[in-house]
Amino acid sequence: MRSLSFRWRSETERDERDLVFLDDADKPVAYAGIRGWCSPDGEKEIPGIERDVKDKLGTLPIPGAMLFLASHGKDPAEGNFAWLGKRLRVAPAAMVTSSFETSPFGGKPCEFALVGFFAADCAKAVSR
């Protein structure tokens, strides 16, 4: 299915990647890895993220991107994104975030976020 605002068709779980974007000739034009990022300190997911960037996305001849699904308190959100970028050695300007407020947890505002960056922005740092 193609959305009206996106020019490529997408397909999940193809070519050993989570998401592939295809042109009209069914040729891959980009790949994406998708990960949840929800552990209390954020550290648990880092080895898998680095592995995906290095082994699945960072060596492709076409663009690869990492997408993260996260849920956290609204107040620490920007700090959480900065921590993730620093931990993965991705410049803040290279990260794209989009979020929306969800139901409060423990009386505090929470949000759900989608965070992404191109694997090439991280792959060289991960391979060091």
C-alpha atoms as a PDB file:
ATOM      1  CA  MET A   1       0.000   0.000   0.000  1.00  0.00           C
ATOM      2  CA  ARG A   2       1.285   3.454  -0.860  1.00  0.00           C
ATOM      3  CA  SER A   3       0.372   6.579   1.033  1.00  0.00           C
ATOM      4  CA  LEU A   4      -0.538   9.721  -0.853  1.00  0.00           C
ATOM      5  CA  SER A   5       2.410  11.585   0.639  1.00  0.00           C
ATOM      6  CA  PHE A   6       5.141   8.999   0.082  1.00  0.00           C
ATOM      7  CA  ARG A   7       6.438   8.099  -3.348  1.00  0.00           C
ATOM      8  CA  TRP A   8       7.678   4.568  -2.586  1.00  0.00           C
ATOM      9  CA  ARG A   9       5.820   1.427  -1.712  1.00  0.00           C
ATOM     10  CA  SER A  10       6.979  -0.216   1.510  1.00  0.00           C
ATOM     11  CA  GLU A  11       7.231  -3.845   2.523  1.00  0.00           C
ATOM     12  CA  THR A  12       8.148  -5.385   5.868  1.00  0.00           C
ATOM     13  CA  GLU A  13      10.591  -8.221   6.525  1.00  0.00           C
ATOM     14  CA  ARG A  14      12.284  -8.394   3.140  1.00  0.00           C
ATOM     15  CA  ASP A  15      15.944  -9.058   2.309  1.00  0.00           C
ATOM     16  CA  GLU A  16      16.650  -9.739   6.005  1.00  0.00           C
ATOM     17  CA  ARG A  17      15.711  -6.143   6.879  1.00  0.00           C
ATOM     18  CA  ASP A  18      12.744  -4.833   8.859  1.00  0.00           C
ATOM     19  CA  LEU A  19      11.459  -2.466   6.193  1.00  0.00           C
ATOM     20  CA  VAL A  20      12.240  -1.892   2.528  1.00  0.00           C
ATOM     21  CA  PHE A  21      11.116   0.944   0.273  1.00  0.00           C
ATOM     22  CA  LEU A  22      10.513  -0.054  -3.361  1.00  0.00           C
ATOM     23  CA  ASP A  23      10.234   1.874  -6.607  1.00  0.00           C
ATOM     24  CA  ASP A  24       7.618   1.159  -9.274  1.00  0.00           C
ATOM     25  CA  ALA A  25       9.804  -1.638 -10.715  1.00  0.00           C
ATOM     26  CA  ASP A  26       9.869  -3.376  -7.297  1.00  0.00           C
ATOM     27  CA  LYS A  27      13.547  -2.454  -6.872  1.00  0.00           C
ATOM     28  CA  PRO A  28      14.717  -1.516  -3.339  1.00  0.00           C
ATOM     29  CA  VAL A  29      15.629   2.158  -3.007  1.00  0.00           C
ATOM     30  CA  ALA A  30      16.183   2.206   0.788  1.00  0.00           C
ATOM     31  CA  TYR A  31      16.076  -0.053   3.834  1.00  0.00           C
ATOM     32  CA  ALA A  32      15.222   0.598   7.472  1.00  0.00           C
ATOM     33  CA  GLY A  33      15.771  -1.162  10.756  1.00  0.00           C
ATOM     34  CA  ILE A  34      13.133  -0.724  13.448  1.00  0.00           C
ATOM     35  CA  ARG A  35      13.840  -1.073  17.168  1.00  0.00           C
ATOM     36  CA  GLY A  36      12.020  -0.405  20.377  1.00  0.00           C
ATOM     37  CA  TRP A  37      13.904   1.848  22.803  1.00  0.00           C
ATOM     38  CA  CYS A  38      12.125   1.492  26.110  1.00  0.00           C
ATOM     39  CA  SER A  39      14.447   0.044  28.759  1.00  0.00           C
ATOM     40  CA  PRO A  40      14.747   2.114  31.959  1.00  0.00           C
ATOM     41  CA  ASP A  41      18.299   3.319  31.264  1.00  0.00           C
ATOM     42  CA  GLY A  42      18.287   2.979  27.450  1.00  0.00           C
ATOM     43  CA  GLU A  43      21.496   0.949  27.495  1.00  0.00           C
ATOM     44  CA  LYS A  44      20.038  -2.520  26.896  1.00  0.00           C
ATOM     45  CA  GLU A  45      19.157  -1.800  23.264  1.00  0.00           C
ATOM     46  CA  ILE A  46      22.483  -0.221  22.228  1.00  0.00           C
ATOM     47  CA  PRO A  47      24.363  -3.434  21.211  1.00  0.00           C
ATOM     48  CA  GLY A  48      21.509  -4.525  18.935  1.00  0.00           C
ATOM     49  CA  ILE A  49      21.233  -1.070  17.403  1.00  0.00           C
ATOM     50  CA  GLU A  50      24.962  -0.968  16.723  1.00  0.00           C
ATOM     51  CA  ARG A  51      24.846  -4.471  15.232  1.00  0.00           C
ATOM     52  CA  ASP A  52      21.969  -3.517  12.906  1.00  0.00           C
ATOM     53  CA  VAL A  53      23.755  -0.354  11.779  1.00  0.00           C
ATOM     54  CA  LYS A  54      27.070  -2.122  11.200  1.00  0.00           C
ATOM     55  CA  ASP A  55      25.929  -5.432   9.721  1.00  0.00           C
ATOM     56  CA  LYS A  56      22.540  -4.775   8.110  1.00  0.00           C
ATOM     57  CA  LEU A  57      22.353  -1.118   7.121  1.00  0.00           C
ATOM     58  CA  GLY A  58      25.723   0.628   7.169  1.00  0.00           C
ATOM     59  CA  THR A  59      27.275  -1.338   4.311  1.00  0.00           C
ATOM     60  CA  LEU A  60      24.436  -1.075   1.791  1.00  0.00           C
ATOM     61  CA  PRO A  61      24.901   0.576  -1.612  1.00  0.00           C
ATOM     62  CA  ILE A  62      21.547   2.340  -1.041  1.00  0.00           C
ATOM     63  CA  PRO A  63      20.380   4.410   1.959  1.00  0.00           C
ATOM     64  CA  GLY A  64      19.672   2.674   5.237  1.00  0.00           C
ATOM     65  CA  ALA A  65      17.917   4.239   8.218  1.00  0.00           C
ATOM     66  CA  MET A  66      17.319   3.301  11.852  1.00  0.00           C
ATOM     67  CA  LEU A  67      13.920   4.025  13.366  1.00  0.00           C
ATOM     68  CA  PHE A  68      13.193   3.806  17.088  1.00  0.00           C
ATOM     69  CA  LEU A  69       9.884   3.599  18.857  1.00  0.00           C
ATOM     70  CA  ALA A  70      10.099   5.063  22.349  1.00  0.00           C
ATOM     71  CA  SER A  71       7.775   5.877  25.208  1.00  0.00           C
ATOM     72  CA  HIS A  72       8.935   8.010  28.120  1.00  0.00           C
ATOM     73  CA  GLY A  73       8.142  10.932  30.327  1.00  0.00           C
ATOM     74  CA  LYS A  74       7.657  14.163  28.428  1.00  0.00           C
ATOM     75  CA  ASP A  75      10.043  16.222  30.574  1.00  0.00           C
ATOM     76  CA  PRO A  76      13.179  14.117  29.981  1.00  0.00           C
ATOM     77  CA  ALA A  77      12.451  13.493  26.269  1.00  0.00           C
ATOM     78  CA  GLU A  78      14.981  15.931  24.785  1.00  0.00           C
ATOM     79  CA  GLY A  79      17.646  14.729  27.197  1.00  0.00           C
ATOM     80  CA  ASN A  80      16.875  11.120  26.264  1.00  0.00           C
ATOM     81  CA  PHE A  81      17.263  11.886  22.552  1.00  0.00           C
ATOM     82  CA  ALA A  82      20.534  13.720  23.186  1.00  0.00           C
ATOM     83  CA  TRP A  83      21.814  10.767  25.243  1.00  0.00           C
ATOM     84  CA  LEU A  84      20.921   8.326  22.441  1.00  0.00           C
ATOM     85  CA  GLY A  85      22.670  10.452  19.815  1.00  0.00           C
ATOM     86  CA  LYS A  86      25.774  10.812  21.968  1.00  0.00           C
ATOM     87  CA  ARG A  87      25.833   7.110  22.821  1.00  0.00           C
ATOM     88  CA  LEU A  88      25.545   6.145  19.124  1.00  0.00           C
ATOM     89  CA  ARG A  89      27.822   8.998  17.996  1.00  0.00           C
ATOM     90  CA  VAL A  90      25.122  10.604  15.838  1.00  0.00           C
ATOM     91  CA  ALA A  91      25.012  14.395  15.727  1.00  0.00           C
ATOM     92  CA  PRO A  92      21.759  15.891  17.063  1.00  0.00           C
ATOM     93  CA  ALA A  93      21.201  17.631  13.727  1.00  0.00           C
ATOM     94  CA  ALA A  94      21.271  14.225  11.971  1.00  0.00           C
ATOM     95  CA  MET A  95      18.455  12.827  14.128  1.00  0.00           C
ATOM     96  CA  VAL A  96      14.787  13.334  13.313  1.00  0.00           C
ATOM     97  CA  THR A  97      12.214  13.049  16.083  1.00  0.00           C
ATOM     98  CA  SER A  98       8.473  13.206  16.079  1.00  0.00           C
ATOM     99  CA  SER A  99       6.344  12.665  19.167  1.00  0.00           C
ATOM    100  CA  PHE A 100       2.884  13.041  20.607  1.00  0.00           C
ATOM    101  CA  GLU A 101       1.578  13.167  24.150  1.00  0.00           C
ATOM    102  CA  THR A 102      -0.018  10.022  25.582  1.00  0.00           C
ATOM    103  CA  SER A 103      -1.845   9.220  28.800  1.00  0.00           C
ATOM    104  CA  PRO A 104      -0.008  10.266  31.958  1.00  0.00           C
ATOM    105  CA  PHE A 105       1.892   7.632  33.907  1.00  0.00           C
ATOM    106  CA  GLY A 106       2.207   8.092  37.657  1.00  0.00           C
ATOM    107  CA  GLY A 107       0.627  11.520  37.334  1.00  0.00           C
ATOM    108  CA  LYS A 108       3.364  12.761  34.952  1.00  0.00           C
ATOM    109  CA  PRO A 109       2.949  13.622  31.245  1.00  0.00           C
ATOM    110  CA  CYS A 110       4.271  10.970  28.861  1.00  0.00           C
ATOM    111  CA  GLU A 111       4.880  10.832  25.152  1.00  0.00           C
ATOM    112  CA  PHE A 112       5.380   8.312  22.371  1.00  0.00           C
ATOM    113  CA  ALA A 113       8.187   9.143  19.968  1.00  0.00           C
ATOM    114  CA  LEU A 114       9.590   8.024  16.655  1.00  0.00           C
ATOM    115  CA  VAL A 115      13.303   8.759  16.330  1.00  0.00           C
ATOM    116  CA  GLY A 116      15.348   8.176  13.193  1.00  0.00           C
ATOM    117  CA  PHE A 117      18.674   8.743  11.495  1.00  0.00           C
ATOM    118  CA  PHE A 118      20.513   7.516   8.422  1.00  0.00           C
ATOM    119  CA  ALA A 119      22.743   4.539   9.155  1.00  0.00           C
ATOM    120  CA  ALA A 120      25.622   6.216   7.321  1.00  0.00           C
ATOM    121  CA  ASP A 121      25.614   8.922  10.013  1.00  0.00           C
ATOM    122  CA  CYS A 122      26.405   6.251  12.597  1.00  0.00           C
ATOM    123  CA  ALA A 123      28.068   3.372  10.693  1.00  0.00           C
ATOM    124  CA  LYS A 124      31.614   4.769  10.658  1.00  0.00           C
ATOM    125  CA  ALA A 125      31.500   5.480  14.382  1.00  0.00           C
ATOM    126  CA  VAL A 126      30.100   2.015  15.165  1.00  0.00           C
ATOM    127  CA  SER A 127      32.803   0.249  13.148  1.00  0.00           C
ATOM    128  CA  ARG A 128      35.604   1.862  15.194  1.00  0.00           C
END
